[in-house]
C-alpha atoms as a PDB file:
ATOM      1  CA  MET A   1     112.726 160.550 163.440  1.00  0.00           C
ATOM      2  CA  GLU A   2     112.218 160.692 159.325  1.00  0.00           C
ATOM      3  CA  THR A   3     115.616 160.165 157.669  1.00  0.00           C
ATOM      4  CA  THR A   4     116.279 162.727 155.049  1.00  0.00           C
ATOM      5  CA  ALA A   5     118.500 161.978 152.062  1.00  0.00           C
ATOM      6  CA  GLY A   6     120.516 165.073 152.095  1.00  0.00           C
ATOM      7  CA  SER A   7     119.907 168.738 152.465  1.00  0.00           C
ATOM      8  CA  SER A   8     119.564 171.317 149.601  1.00  0.00           C
ATOM      9  CA  SER A   9     122.771 173.391 148.604  1.00  0.00           C
ATOM     10  CA  ARG A  10     120.192 176.441 148.633  1.00  0.00           C
ATOM     11  CA  ASP A  11     119.491 175.410 152.759  1.00  0.00           C
ATOM     12  CA  THR A  12     120.413 178.618 154.989  1.00  0.00           C
ATOM     13  CA  ARG A  13     121.732 178.225 158.056  1.00  0.00           C
ATOM     14  CA  ALA A  14     117.846 179.031 160.286  1.00  0.00           C
ATOM     15  CA  GLU A  15     116.663 175.725 157.936  1.00  0.00           C
ATOM     16  CA  ALA A  16     119.243 173.431 159.003  1.00  0.00           C
ATOM     17  CA  ALA A  17     119.512 174.491 162.760  1.00  0.00           C
ATOM     18  CA  LEU A  18     115.518 173.446 162.167  1.00  0.00           C
ATOM     19  CA  ARG A  19     116.222 169.958 161.129  1.00  0.00           C
ATOM     20  CA  LEU A  20     118.418 169.552 164.100  1.00  0.00           C
ATOM     21  CA  GLU A  21     115.919 170.844 166.432  1.00  0.00           C
ATOM     22  CA  GLU A  22     113.510 167.696 165.888  1.00  0.00           C
ATOM     23  CA  TYR A  23     116.339 166.099 167.374  1.00  0.00           C
ATOM     24  CA  ALA A  24     117.302 168.208 169.884  1.00  0.00           C
ATOM     25  CA  ALA A  25     114.019 168.687 171.053  1.00  0.00           C
ATOM     26  CA  THR A  26     114.234 165.167 172.467  1.00  0.00           C
ATOM     27  CA  GLN A  27     117.999 165.127 173.630  1.00  0.00           C
ATOM     28  CA  HIS A  28     118.044 167.813 176.462  1.00  0.00           C
ATOM     29  CA  GLY A  29     119.076 170.365 173.253  1.00  0.00           C
ATOM     30  CA  TYR A  30     122.033 168.307 172.085  1.00  0.00           C
ATOM     31  CA  VAL A  31     122.464 166.650 168.435  1.00  0.00           C
ATOM     32  CA  THR A  32     125.133 163.852 167.244  1.00  0.00           C
ATOM     33  CA  ARG A  33     126.975 164.413 164.169  1.00  0.00           C
ATOM     34  CA  ALA A  34     125.442 161.310 162.667  1.00  0.00           C
ATOM     35  CA  GLN A  35     121.629 162.539 163.876  1.00  0.00           C
ATOM     36  CA  ALA A  36     122.726 165.661 161.752  1.00  0.00           C
ATOM     37  CA  ASN A  37     123.863 163.531 158.746  1.00  0.00           C
ATOM     38  CA  ARG A  38     120.436 161.630 159.050  1.00  0.00           C
ATOM     39  CA  ALA A  39     118.541 164.505 158.561  1.00  0.00           C
ATOM     40  CA  GLY A  40     120.680 166.008 155.785  1.00  0.00           C
ATOM     41  CA  VAL A  41     122.257 168.236 157.559  1.00  0.00           C
ATOM     42  CA  GLY A  42     126.142 167.788 156.215  1.00  0.00           C
ATOM     43  CA  ASP A  43     128.987 168.595 157.915  1.00  0.00           C
ATOM     44  CA  GLN A  44     129.911 171.845 156.239  1.00  0.00           C
ATOM     45  CA  MET A  45     126.837 173.091 157.563  1.00  0.00           C
ATOM     46  CA  LEU A  46     128.063 171.759 160.726  1.00  0.00           C
ATOM     47  CA  ARG A  47     130.681 173.573 160.808  1.00  0.00           C
ATOM     48  CA  ARG A  48     128.645 177.045 159.401  1.00  0.00           C
ATOM     49  CA  LEU A  49     126.199 176.573 162.099  1.00  0.00           C
ATOM     50  CA  GLN A  50     129.075 177.186 164.505  1.00  0.00           C
ATOM     51  CA  SER A  51     130.464 179.690 163.253  1.00  0.00           C
ATOM     52  CA  GLY A  52     127.455 181.313 163.170  1.00  0.00           C
ATOM     53  CA  GLY A  53     126.368 180.720 166.798  1.00  0.00           C
ATOM     54  CA  TRP A  54     123.976 178.359 166.418  1.00  0.00           C
ATOM     55  CA  LEU A  55     125.552 175.461 167.835  1.00  0.00           C
ATOM     56  CA  ASP A  56     128.455 174.784 170.185  1.00  0.00           C
ATOM     57  CA  ARG A  57     130.706 171.426 169.903  1.00  0.00           C
ATOM     58  CA  SER A  58     130.245 169.327 173.240  1.00  0.00           C
ATOM     59  CA  GLU A  59     131.982 166.442 172.575  1.00  0.00           C
ATOM     60  CA  HIS A  60     133.857 164.899 169.303  1.00  0.00           C
ATOM     61  CA  GLY A  61     130.619 164.421 167.263  1.00  0.00           C
ATOM     62  CA  VAL A  62     128.098 165.739 169.757  1.00  0.00           C
ATOM     63  CA  TYR A  63     126.348 169.304 169.300  1.00  0.00           C
ATOM     64  CA  ARG A  64     124.452 171.560 171.669  1.00  0.00           C
ATOM     65  CA  MET A  65     121.883 173.749 170.503  1.00  0.00           C
ATOM     66  CA  ARG A  66     122.968 177.348 171.142  1.00  0.00           C
ATOM     67  CA  GLY A  67     120.275 178.529 174.012  1.00  0.00           C
ATOM     68  CA  ALA A  68     119.751 175.044 175.263  1.00  0.00           C
ATOM     69  CA  HIS A  69     118.927 174.349 178.952  1.00  0.00           C
ATOM     70  CA  ASP A  70     122.443 173.887 180.972  1.00  0.00           C
ATOM     71  CA  LEU A  71     122.617 170.088 182.308  1.00  0.00           C
ATOM     72  CA  PRO A  72     124.541 169.353 185.692  1.00  0.00           C
ATOM     73  CA  TRP A  73     125.450 166.386 184.399  1.00  0.00           C
ATOM     74  CA  ALA A  74     126.086 167.472 180.452  1.00  0.00           C
ATOM     75  CA  PRO A  75     129.453 165.652 180.311  1.00  0.00           C
ATOM     76  CA  VAL A  76     128.399 162.615 181.065  1.00  0.00           C
ATOM     77  CA  TRP A  77     125.225 163.240 179.049  1.00  0.00           C
ATOM     78  CA  ALA A  78     127.329 164.172 175.736  1.00  0.00           C
ATOM     79  CA  VAL A  79     129.581 161.079 176.270  1.00  0.00           C
ATOM     80  CA  TRP A  80     126.852 158.288 176.587  1.00  0.00           C
ATOM     81  CA  LEU A  81     125.279 160.117 173.413  1.00  0.00           C
ATOM     82  CA  SER A  82     128.403 159.460 171.335  1.00  0.00           C
ATOM     83  CA  LEU A  83     128.522 155.892 172.265  1.00  0.00           C
ATOM     84  CA  ASP A  84     126.131 154.952 169.700  1.00  0.00           C
ATOM     85  CA  PRO A  85     125.130 158.244 168.195  1.00  0.00           C
ATOM     86  CA  ALA A  86     122.549 157.362 165.260  1.00  0.00           C
ATOM     87  CA  PRO A  87     119.803 156.579 167.203  1.00  0.00           C
ATOM     88  CA  VAL A  88     117.869 159.108 169.085  1.00  0.00           C
ATOM     89  CA  ALA A  89     118.231 158.919 172.681  1.00  0.00           C
ATOM     90  CA  TYR A  90     114.446 157.645 173.527  1.00  0.00           C
ATOM     91  CA  GLU A  91     114.885 155.012 171.228  1.00  0.00           C
ATOM     92  CA  ARG A  92     118.026 153.969 173.022  1.00  0.00           C
ATOM     93  CA  VAL A  93     116.665 153.529 176.480  1.00  0.00           C
ATOM     94  CA  ARG A  94     113.738 151.335 175.255  1.00  0.00           C
ATOM     95  CA  HIS A  95     116.598 148.305 175.242  1.00  0.00           C
ATOM     96  CA  PRO A  96     120.085 150.042 176.600  1.00  0.00           C
ATOM     97  CA  THR A  97     123.132 148.412 175.088  1.00  0.00           C
ATOM     98  CA  GLU A  98     125.121 151.432 177.348  1.00  0.00           C
ATOM     99  CA  ILE A  99     124.295 152.315 181.107  1.00  0.00           C
ATOM    100  CA  VAL A 100     125.900 154.800 183.155  1.00  0.00           C
ATOM    101  CA  ARG A 101     128.120 152.906 185.577  1.00  0.00           C
ATOM    102  CA  GLY A 102     128.921 154.522 189.416  1.00  0.00           C
ATOM    103  CA  PRO A 103     130.408 155.347 190.879  1.00  0.00           C
ATOM    104  CA  THR A 104     132.046 159.131 189.786  1.00  0.00           C
ATOM    105  CA  ALA A 105     129.567 158.916 186.364  1.00  0.00           C
ATOM    106  CA  SER A 106     126.360 158.086 188.196  1.00  0.00           C
ATOM    107  CA  THR A 107     127.098 159.964 191.080  1.00  0.00           C
ATOM    108  CA  ALA A 108     126.763 163.279 189.115  1.00  0.00           C
ATOM    109  CA  VAL A 109     123.542 162.158 187.402  1.00  0.00           C
ATOM    110  CA  TYR A 110     121.862 162.040 190.697  1.00  0.00           C
ATOM    111  CA  GLY A 111     123.668 164.858 192.279  1.00  0.00           C
ATOM    112  CA  ILE A 112     125.214 163.180 195.515  1.00  0.00           C
ATOM    113  CA  GLY A 113     128.692 163.503 196.884  1.00  0.00           C
ATOM    114  CA  ASP A 114     131.254 166.069 195.426  1.00  0.00           C
ATOM    115  CA  LEU A 115     133.211 163.585 192.982  1.00  0.00           C
ATOM    116  CA  THR A 116     134.344 164.470 189.632  1.00  0.00           C
ATOM    117  CA  PRO A 117     132.730 162.310 186.939  1.00  0.00           C
ATOM    118  CA  GLU A 118     135.825 161.294 185.042  1.00  0.00           C
ATOM    119  CA  PRO A 119     136.644 158.842 184.013  1.00  0.00           C
ATOM    120  CA  TYR A 120     133.318 157.944 182.494  1.00  0.00           C
ATOM    121  CA  GLU A 121     132.228 154.963 183.037  1.00  0.00           C
ATOM    122  CA  PHE A 122     129.416 152.603 181.451  1.00  0.00           C
ATOM    123  CA  TRP A 123     128.506 149.335 181.090  1.00  0.00           C
ATOM    124  CA  THR A 124     128.159 147.825 177.816  1.00  0.00           C
ATOM    125  CA  THR A 125     126.313 144.848 176.571  1.00  0.00           C
ATOM    126  CA  ARG A 126     129.100 144.382 173.534  1.00  0.00           C
ATOM    127  CA  ARG A 127     133.024 144.570 173.380  1.00  0.00           C
ATOM    128  CA  ARG A 128     134.343 147.113 171.599  1.00  0.00           C
ATOM    129  CA  PHE A 129     137.374 149.285 171.891  1.00  0.00           C
ATOM    130  CA  ILE A 130     137.134 152.996 172.224  1.00  0.00           C
ATOM    131  CA  ARG A 131     140.556 155.372 172.308  1.00  0.00           C
ATOM    132  CA  ARG A 132     139.271 157.433 175.163  1.00  0.00           C
ATOM    133  CA  ARG A 133     141.490 157.470 178.358  1.00  0.00           C
ATOM    134  CA  ASP A 134     138.272 159.047 180.005  1.00  0.00           C
ATOM    135  CA  VAL A 135     135.936 156.760 179.201  1.00  0.00           C
ATOM    136  CA  LYS A 136     135.693 152.882 180.584  1.00  0.00           C
ATOM    137  CA  LEU A 137     133.366 150.358 179.368  1.00  0.00           C
ATOM    138  CA  ARG A 138     132.606 147.312 181.276  1.00  0.00           C
ATOM    139  CA  VAL A 139     131.077 144.077 179.454  1.00  0.00           C
ATOM    140  CA  GLY A 140     128.077 142.721 181.086  1.00  0.00           C
ATOM    141  CA  ARG A 141     124.075 142.511 181.981  1.00  0.00           C
ATOM    142  CA  LEU A 142     122.945 144.490 184.908  1.00  0.00           C
ATOM    143  CA  ALA A 143     119.447 143.282 186.418  1.00  0.00           C
ATOM    144  CA  PRO A 144     116.847 145.012 185.633  1.00  0.00           C
ATOM    145  CA  ASP A 145     116.605 146.506 189.592  1.00  0.00           C
ATOM    146  CA  ASP A 146     120.068 147.599 189.027  1.00  0.00           C
ATOM    147  CA  PHE A 147     119.130 150.521 187.188  1.00  0.00           C
ATOM    148  CA  ARG A 148     116.510 152.688 185.831  1.00  0.00           C
ATOM    149  CA  VAL A 149     116.197 155.689 183.248  1.00  0.00           C
ATOM    150  CA  VAL A 150     116.741 159.359 184.770  1.00  0.00           C
ATOM    151  CA  ASN A 151     116.106 162.185 182.624  1.00  0.00           C
ATOM    152  CA  ASP A 152     116.099 160.320 179.454  1.00  0.00           C
ATOM    153  CA  LEU A 153     119.706 158.584 180.644  1.00  0.00           C
ATOM    154  CA  PRO A 154     120.463 155.128 181.307  1.00  0.00           C
ATOM    155  CA  VAL A 155     122.295 154.420 184.882  1.00  0.00           C
ATOM    156  CA  THR A 156     122.558 152.698 188.113  1.00  0.00           C
ATOM    157  CA  THR A 157     120.400 152.748 190.563  1.00  0.00           C
ATOM    158  CA  PRO A 158     121.540 155.209 194.050  1.00  0.00           C
ATOM    159  CA  ILE A 159     121.829 151.495 196.065  1.00  0.00           C
ATOM    160  CA  ARG A 160     123.626 149.379 193.130  1.00  0.00           C
ATOM    161  CA  THR A 161     125.783 153.061 192.527  1.00  0.00           C
ATOM    162  CA  LEU A 162     126.657 153.189 196.044  1.00  0.00           C
ATOM    163  CA  ALA A 163     127.433 149.601 196.474  1.00  0.00           C
ATOM    164  CA  ASP A 164     130.210 150.433 193.063  1.00  0.00           C
ATOM    165  CA  LEU A 165     131.523 152.811 195.249  1.00  0.00           C
ATOM    166  CA  ILE A 166     132.214 150.815 198.037  1.00  0.00           C
ATOM    167  CA  THR A 167     133.305 147.815 195.718  1.00  0.00           C
ATOM    168  CA  ASP A 168     135.951 149.882 193.821  1.00  0.00           C
ATOM    169  CA  GLY A 169     137.969 151.227 197.170  1.00  0.00           C
ATOM    170  CA  TYR A 170     136.574 154.567 197.587  1.00  0.00           C
ATOM    171  CA  ASP A 171     137.581 156.950 200.386  1.00  0.00           C
ATOM    172  CA  GLY A 172     134.726 156.178 203.178  1.00  0.00           C
ATOM    173  CA  GLY A 173     134.615 160.107 203.806  1.00  0.00           C
ATOM    174  CA  HIS A 174     133.135 160.251 200.010  1.00  0.00           C
ATOM    175  CA  VAL A 175     131.243 157.298 200.112  1.00  0.00           C
ATOM    176  CA  SER A 176     129.209 158.672 203.530  1.00  0.00           C
ATOM    177  CA  ASP A 177     128.879 161.589 202.031  1.00  0.00           C
ATOM    178  CA  CYS A 178     127.267 160.119 198.788  1.00  0.00           C
ATOM    179  CA  LEU A 179     125.143 157.694 201.209  1.00  0.00           C
ATOM    180  CA  ARG A 180     124.044 161.341 203.354  1.00  0.00           C
ATOM    181  CA  ASP A 181     122.980 162.924 200.251  1.00  0.00           C
ATOM    182  CA  ALA A 182     121.033 159.865 198.664  1.00  0.00           C
ATOM    183  CA  LEU A 183     119.418 159.840 202.094  1.00  0.00           C
ATOM    184  CA  ASN A 184     118.410 163.163 202.160  1.00  0.00           C
ATOM    185  CA  GLN A 185     117.235 163.549 198.525  1.00  0.00           C
ATOM    186  CA  GLY A 186     114.904 160.725 199.237  1.00  0.00           C
ATOM    187  CA  LEU A 187     116.862 158.260 196.497  1.00  0.00           C
ATOM    188  CA  VAL A 188     117.561 156.012 199.069  1.00  0.00           C
ATOM    189  CA  ASP A 189     115.255 154.077 201.314  1.00  0.00           C
ATOM    190  CA  ARG A 190     116.231 154.691 205.274  1.00  0.00           C
ATOM    191  CA  ARG A 191     114.063 151.469 206.070  1.00  0.00           C
ATOM    192  CA  ASP A 192     116.456 148.504 206.380  1.00  0.00           C
ATOM    193  CA  LEU A 193     118.978 150.196 204.663  1.00  0.00           C
ATOM    194  CA  PRO A 194     122.041 148.129 206.088  1.00  0.00           C
ATOM    195  CA  GLY A 195     119.821 144.752 203.789  1.00  0.00           C
ATOM    196  CA  THR A 196     119.591 146.590 200.857  1.00  0.00           C
ATOM    197  CA  LEU A 197     123.153 148.002 200.739  1.00  0.00           C
ATOM    198  CA  GLY A 198     124.223 144.216 201.988  1.00  0.00           C
ATOM    199  CA  ASP A 199     122.226 142.678 199.129  1.00  0.00           C
ATOM    200  CA  ALA A 200     123.547 145.121 196.140  1.00  0.00           C
ATOM    201  CA  LEU A 201     126.895 144.635 197.863  1.00  0.00           C
ATOM    202  CA  ARG A 202     126.570 140.898 197.437  1.00  0.00           C
ATOM    203  CA  ARG A 203     126.146 141.368 194.014  1.00  0.00           C
ATOM    204  CA  THR A 204     129.242 143.680 193.169  1.00  0.00           C
ATOM    205  CA  LEU A 205     131.951 142.115 195.277  1.00  0.00           C
ATOM    206  CA  PRO A 206     134.284 139.168 194.333  1.00  0.00           C
ATOM    207  CA  LYS A 207     133.525 136.214 195.801  1.00  0.00           C
ATOM    208  CA  SER A 208     136.360 136.376 198.304  1.00  0.00           C
ATOM    209  CA  ARG A 209     135.088 139.184 199.696  1.00  0.00           C
ATOM    210  CA  LEU A 210     131.315 138.278 199.779  1.00  0.00           C
ATOM    211  CA  HIS A 211     131.816 137.459 203.689  1.00  0.00           C
ATOM    212  CA  HIS A 212     132.408 141.565 204.262  1.00  0.00           C
ATOM    213  CA  ALA A 213     128.541 142.577 202.324  1.00  0.00           C
ATOM    214  CA  ASP A 214     126.488 142.829 205.750  1.00  0.00           C
ATOM    215  CA  PRO A 215     129.399 144.178 208.006  1.00  0.00           C
ATOM    216  CA  LEU A 216     130.399 147.097 205.000  1.00  0.00           C
ATOM    217  CA  ALA A 217     126.773 147.502 204.872  1.00  0.00           C
ATOM    218  CA  GLN A 218     126.377 148.429 208.761  1.00  0.00           C
ATOM    219  CA  GLN A 219     129.260 150.202 208.735  1.00  0.00           C
ATOM    220  CA  PHE A 220     128.463 153.244 206.034  1.00  0.00           C
ATOM    221  CA  THR A 221     125.559 153.150 207.222  1.00  0.00           C
ATOM    222  CA  GLU A 222     126.408 154.262 210.916  1.00  0.00           C
ATOM    223  CA  MET A 223     129.014 156.409 209.269  1.00  0.00           C
ATOM    224  CA  ALA A 224     126.472 158.257 207.215  1.00  0.00           C
ATOM    225  CA  ALA A 225     123.924 158.684 210.200  1.00  0.00           C
ATOM    226  CA  GLN A 226     126.696 160.843 211.987  1.00  0.00           C
END
């Protein structure tokens, strides 16, 4: 995206909205305050666009263009945008520094189970402080096989998401519901499911519980088949 030094005081709301649309068109209809400023649209114009019905505030510093299509995972998307608000989304996913972590936020993106996405959890490559109780950051680097890009959002794979659910101690019924949905949607391969889930659990369980990886994988495979 081309950075604009500043918008003219004569810019109309339609002209300002057109500037924002360059960002929103590649971000499911969303734009951040930092991106707006980059495009020469200041805070006063953002307020005018909100009052005029051009924008809706989705998250602190994140806006949705009025008329943009609804996203089932919209809250997760808006929070992810807010974590690094200046770059465009397609630039961030080339070398992601924040990845949506299972269990709850990832299940919302995949549409499996019925868990609420809060708190929003993310893997991050750098230690940082955030003043939000509904957002949790875990410092670490995931193996390439443990995440993928889903609709422009880097997120843990379905099998890694399920392993995180089990490791974090979520109710067995919720886990088996998520696994069953993942199987029905073709997100998880039925072939050697206990083996692949067991491998994922060995990457998530603490060392003291590693011997439980295969039994847990077998248990939840059988529960999902019921």
